[in-house]
């Protein structure tokens, strides 16, 4: 939230790539964001009880985001699991 107090209506997702010195807004709604490849890849999925069809992927610390449609029909997503591997992370 931006402002003097937390709000349930003015929600956004912010990211910092300099240890919290500066922040930029990447989404204007509530999203789940996963950091993969030690921050080299970011994956975001809208936080909603409705079925989703696509997710967002960034390979440049959240500066640009590309939509990725992983199904032709919407799915109910209960959660996502990121498993740590020896050389990479698999989502």
N, C-alpha and C. Protein backbone atom coordinates (compact mmCIF):
# COMPACT_ATOMS: atom_id res chain seq x y z
N UNK A 1 0.83 -1.19 0.00
CA UNK A 1 0.00 0.00 0.00
C UNK A 1 0.87 1.25 0.00
N UNK A 2 0.37 2.29 -0.59
CA UNK A 2 0.98 3.61 -0.51
C UNK A 2 0.06 4.46 0.34
N UNK A 3 0.61 5.12 1.35
CA UNK A 3 -0.19 6.00 2.18
C UNK A 3 0.09 5.79 3.64
N UNK A 4 -0.67 6.45 4.49
CA UNK A 4 -0.39 6.43 5.93
C UNK A 4 -0.86 5.16 6.63
N UNK A 5 -1.67 4.33 5.98
CA UNK A 5 -2.19 3.13 6.63
C UNK A 5 -2.47 2.04 5.60
N UNK A 6 -2.60 0.82 6.09
CA UNK A 6 -2.92 -0.30 5.20
C UNK A 6 -4.35 -0.18 4.71
N UNK A 7 -4.59 -0.64 3.50
CA UNK A 7 -5.91 -0.56 2.91
C UNK A 7 -6.20 -1.85 2.17
N UNK A 8 -7.45 -2.28 2.20
CA UNK A 8 -7.87 -3.45 1.44
C UNK A 8 -8.31 -3.09 0.03
N UNK A 9 -8.45 -1.81 -0.27
CA UNK A 9 -8.94 -1.39 -1.57
C UNK A 9 -7.85 -0.85 -2.48
N UNK A 10 -6.79 -0.29 -1.93
CA UNK A 10 -5.72 0.29 -2.74
C UNK A 10 -4.51 -0.63 -2.66
N UNK A 11 -4.53 -1.70 -3.45
CA UNK A 11 -3.53 -2.76 -3.34
C UNK A 11 -2.63 -2.73 -4.57
N UNK A 12 -1.36 -2.99 -4.37
CA UNK A 12 -0.42 -3.10 -5.46
C UNK A 12 0.75 -3.96 -5.05
N UNK A 13 1.57 -4.35 -6.02
CA UNK A 13 2.77 -5.13 -5.76
C UNK A 13 3.96 -4.27 -6.17
N UNK A 14 4.92 -4.16 -5.26
CA UNK A 14 6.10 -3.33 -5.47
C UNK A 14 7.34 -4.20 -5.40
N UNK A 15 8.39 -3.75 -6.08
CA UNK A 15 9.63 -4.52 -6.10
C UNK A 15 10.82 -3.56 -6.00
N UNK A 16 11.88 -4.05 -5.41
CA UNK A 16 13.12 -3.28 -5.30
C UNK A 16 14.26 -4.15 -5.82
N UNK A 17 15.17 -3.56 -6.54
CA UNK A 17 16.34 -4.30 -7.01
C UNK A 17 17.62 -3.71 -6.43
N UNK A 18 17.48 -2.84 -5.41
CA UNK A 18 18.65 -2.26 -4.77
C UNK A 18 18.58 -2.35 -3.24
N UNK A 19 18.05 -3.45 -2.76
CA UNK A 19 18.01 -3.69 -1.32
C UNK A 19 16.98 -2.85 -0.59
N UNK A 20 15.98 -2.34 -1.27
CA UNK A 20 14.92 -1.56 -0.62
C UNK A 20 15.17 -0.07 -0.60
N UNK A 21 16.22 0.41 -1.24
CA UNK A 21 16.47 1.85 -1.30
C UNK A 21 15.42 2.56 -2.14
N UNK A 22 15.07 1.97 -3.28
CA UNK A 22 14.01 2.50 -4.13
C UNK A 22 13.04 1.38 -4.47
N UNK A 23 11.80 1.74 -4.71
CA UNK A 23 10.75 0.77 -5.02
C UNK A 23 9.99 1.23 -6.25
N UNK A 24 9.50 0.25 -7.02
CA UNK A 24 8.63 0.56 -8.17
C UNK A 24 7.46 -0.40 -8.17
N UNK A 25 6.32 0.09 -8.60
CA UNK A 25 5.11 -0.73 -8.64
C UNK A 25 5.12 -1.57 -9.91
N UNK A 26 4.87 -2.89 -9.75
CA UNK A 26 4.85 -3.77 -10.91
C UNK A 26 3.44 -4.24 -11.25
N UNK A 27 2.53 -4.28 -10.27
CA UNK A 27 1.14 -4.64 -10.51
C UNK A 27 0.25 -3.75 -9.68
N UNK A 28 -0.95 -3.46 -10.18
CA UNK A 28 -1.89 -2.64 -9.42
C UNK A 28 -3.00 -3.47 -8.80
N UNK A 29 -2.78 -4.77 -8.74
CA UNK A 29 -3.70 -5.69 -8.06
C UNK A 29 -2.85 -6.65 -7.23
N UNK A 30 -3.53 -7.52 -6.48
CA UNK A 30 -2.81 -8.46 -5.63
C UNK A 30 -2.34 -9.66 -6.45
N UNK A 31 -1.04 -9.96 -6.39
CA UNK A 31 -0.43 -11.07 -7.11
C UNK A 31 0.46 -11.87 -6.17
N UNK A 32 0.61 -13.15 -6.45
CA UNK A 32 1.63 -13.96 -5.82
C UNK A 32 2.85 -13.88 -6.71
N UNK A 33 4.03 -13.67 -6.14
CA UNK A 33 5.26 -13.56 -6.93
C UNK A 33 6.27 -14.56 -6.40
N UNK A 34 6.86 -15.33 -7.29
CA UNK A 34 7.89 -16.31 -6.95
C UNK A 34 9.19 -15.89 -7.61
N UNK A 35 10.27 -16.01 -6.85
CA UNK A 35 11.61 -15.68 -7.35
C UNK A 35 12.31 -17.00 -7.68
N UNK A 36 12.63 -17.20 -8.95
CA UNK A 36 13.29 -18.41 -9.41
C UNK A 36 14.71 -18.08 -9.86
N UNK A 37 15.53 -19.08 -9.96
CA UNK A 37 16.90 -18.93 -10.43
C UNK A 37 17.61 -17.81 -9.65
N UNK A 38 17.43 -17.82 -8.32
CA UNK A 38 18.04 -16.85 -7.42
C UNK A 38 17.74 -15.42 -7.85
N UNK A 39 16.54 -15.18 -8.33
CA UNK A 39 16.11 -13.84 -8.73
C UNK A 39 16.26 -13.56 -10.20
N UNK A 40 16.82 -14.49 -10.97
CA UNK A 40 16.99 -14.29 -12.40
C UNK A 40 15.68 -14.37 -13.16
N UNK A 41 14.70 -15.02 -12.57
CA UNK A 41 13.38 -15.12 -13.19
C UNK A 41 12.33 -14.88 -12.11
N UNK A 42 11.33 -14.11 -12.46
CA UNK A 42 10.20 -13.85 -11.56
C UNK A 42 8.94 -14.36 -12.23
N UNK A 43 8.10 -15.00 -11.44
CA UNK A 43 6.82 -15.50 -11.94
C UNK A 43 5.73 -14.92 -11.06
N UNK A 44 4.68 -14.39 -11.67
CA UNK A 44 3.59 -13.79 -10.92
C UNK A 44 2.26 -14.35 -11.39
N UNK A 45 1.38 -14.61 -10.43
CA UNK A 45 0.05 -15.11 -10.74
C UNK A 45 -0.95 -14.30 -9.93
N UNK A 46 -2.00 -13.85 -10.58
CA UNK A 46 -3.01 -13.02 -9.91
C UNK A 46 -3.63 -13.79 -8.76
N UNK A 47 -3.75 -13.13 -7.63
CA UNK A 47 -4.38 -13.72 -6.44
C UNK A 47 -5.88 -13.54 -6.57
N UNK A 48 -6.58 -14.62 -6.90
CA UNK A 48 -8.01 -14.54 -7.13
C UNK A 48 -8.64 -15.91 -6.88
N UNK A 49 -9.90 -15.93 -6.41
CA UNK A 49 -10.59 -17.21 -6.28
C UNK A 49 -11.15 -17.71 -7.61
N UNK A 50 -11.02 -16.92 -8.65
CA UNK A 50 -11.52 -17.28 -9.98
C UNK A 50 -10.48 -18.09 -10.73
N UNK A 51 -10.89 -18.86 -11.72
CA UNK A 51 -9.92 -19.62 -12.51
C UNK A 51 -9.02 -18.68 -13.32
N UNK A 52 -7.76 -19.08 -13.49
CA UNK A 52 -6.80 -18.27 -14.24
C UNK A 52 -6.33 -19.05 -15.46
N UNK A 53 -5.93 -18.32 -16.45
CA UNK A 53 -5.47 -18.92 -17.70
C UNK A 53 -4.00 -18.64 -17.96
N UNK A 54 -3.48 -17.55 -17.40
CA UNK A 54 -2.10 -17.19 -17.70
C UNK A 54 -1.39 -16.66 -16.47
N UNK A 55 -0.09 -16.64 -16.57
CA UNK A 55 0.74 -16.05 -15.54
C UNK A 55 1.71 -15.09 -16.21
N UNK A 56 2.44 -14.35 -15.40
CA UNK A 56 3.37 -13.36 -15.89
C UNK A 56 4.79 -13.81 -15.57
N UNK A 57 5.73 -13.55 -16.49
CA UNK A 57 7.12 -13.94 -16.32
C UNK A 57 8.02 -12.74 -16.62
N UNK A 58 9.05 -12.55 -15.78
CA UNK A 58 10.03 -11.48 -16.01
C UNK A 58 11.43 -12.07 -15.88
N UNK A 59 12.30 -11.66 -16.80
CA UNK A 59 13.70 -12.10 -16.76
C UNK A 59 14.66 -10.92 -16.56
N UNK A 60 14.12 -9.74 -16.18
CA UNK A 60 14.96 -8.56 -16.00
C UNK A 60 14.62 -7.81 -14.70
N UNK A 61 14.51 -8.56 -13.62
CA UNK A 61 14.24 -8.02 -12.28
C UNK A 61 12.91 -7.28 -12.19
N UNK A 62 11.94 -7.68 -13.00
CA UNK A 62 10.61 -7.09 -12.93
C UNK A 62 10.42 -5.82 -13.72
N UNK A 63 11.39 -5.45 -14.56
CA UNK A 63 11.22 -4.24 -15.37
C UNK A 63 10.19 -4.46 -16.47
N UNK A 64 10.23 -5.62 -17.11
CA UNK A 64 9.24 -5.95 -18.13
C UNK A 64 8.64 -7.32 -17.81
N UNK A 65 7.38 -7.48 -18.16
CA UNK A 65 6.65 -8.71 -17.87
C UNK A 65 5.99 -9.22 -19.14
N UNK A 66 6.07 -10.53 -19.36
CA UNK A 66 5.42 -11.17 -20.51
C UNK A 66 4.36 -12.13 -19.99
N UNK A 67 3.20 -12.13 -20.68
CA UNK A 67 2.14 -13.09 -20.34
C UNK A 67 2.52 -14.46 -20.87
N UNK A 68 2.24 -15.47 -20.09
CA UNK A 68 2.46 -16.84 -20.52
C UNK A 68 1.17 -17.61 -20.29
N UNK A 69 0.54 -18.07 -21.35
CA UNK A 69 -0.68 -18.87 -21.25
C UNK A 69 -0.28 -20.33 -21.17
N UNK A 70 -0.52 -20.96 -20.03
CA UNK A 70 -0.12 -22.35 -19.87
C UNK A 70 -1.27 -23.31 -20.11
N UNK A 71 -2.44 -22.80 -20.46
CA UNK A 71 -3.58 -23.65 -20.75
C UNK A 71 -4.56 -22.90 -21.63
N UNK A 72 -5.35 -23.61 -22.41
CA UNK A 72 -6.34 -22.96 -23.26
C UNK A 72 -7.65 -22.73 -22.53
N UNK A 73 -7.82 -23.38 -21.39
CA UNK A 73 -9.02 -23.17 -20.57
C UNK A 73 -8.58 -22.72 -19.17
N UNK A 74 -9.35 -21.87 -18.52
CA UNK A 74 -8.97 -21.40 -17.18
C UNK A 74 -8.94 -22.55 -16.17
N UNK A 75 -8.01 -22.47 -15.21
CA UNK A 75 -7.85 -23.47 -14.17
C UNK A 75 -7.97 -22.81 -12.80
N UNK A 76 -8.48 -23.57 -11.84
CA UNK A 76 -8.44 -23.11 -10.46
C UNK A 76 -7.07 -23.47 -9.91
N UNK A 77 -6.35 -22.47 -9.41
CA UNK A 77 -5.02 -22.69 -8.85
C UNK A 77 -5.12 -22.60 -7.34
N UNK A 78 -4.79 -23.69 -6.68
CA UNK A 78 -4.85 -23.73 -5.22
C UNK A 78 -3.56 -23.21 -4.60
N UNK A 79 -2.48 -23.27 -5.34
CA UNK A 79 -1.19 -22.81 -4.85
C UNK A 79 -0.11 -23.21 -5.81
N UNK A 80 1.09 -22.81 -5.52
CA UNK A 80 2.24 -23.17 -6.34
C UNK A 80 3.37 -23.58 -5.43
N UNK A 81 4.17 -24.49 -5.88
CA UNK A 81 5.27 -25.01 -5.09
C UNK A 81 6.57 -24.80 -5.85
N UNK A 82 7.53 -24.21 -5.19
CA UNK A 82 8.85 -24.03 -5.78
C UNK A 82 9.79 -24.96 -5.03
N UNK A 83 10.34 -25.92 -5.75
CA UNK A 83 11.25 -26.88 -5.14
C UNK A 83 12.69 -26.52 -5.48
N UNK A 84 13.51 -26.41 -4.48
CA UNK A 84 14.92 -26.06 -4.71
C UNK A 84 15.66 -27.28 -5.24
N UNK A 85 16.44 -27.05 -6.29
CA UNK A 85 17.28 -28.09 -6.87
C UNK A 85 18.74 -27.78 -6.64
N UNK A 86 19.60 -28.62 -7.15
CA UNK A 86 21.03 -28.41 -6.97
C UNK A 86 21.48 -27.20 -7.79
N UNK A 87 21.05 -27.12 -9.05
CA UNK A 87 21.50 -26.03 -9.93
C UNK A 87 20.38 -25.05 -10.27
N UNK A 88 19.13 -25.42 -10.09
CA UNK A 88 18.04 -24.54 -10.50
C UNK A 88 16.84 -24.81 -9.61
N UNK A 89 15.84 -24.00 -9.78
CA UNK A 89 14.58 -24.20 -9.09
C UNK A 89 13.51 -24.54 -10.10
N UNK A 90 12.64 -25.46 -9.74
CA UNK A 90 11.57 -25.89 -10.63
C UNK A 90 10.25 -25.49 -9.98
N UNK A 91 9.39 -24.89 -10.77
CA UNK A 91 8.09 -24.48 -10.25
C UNK A 91 7.02 -25.38 -10.82
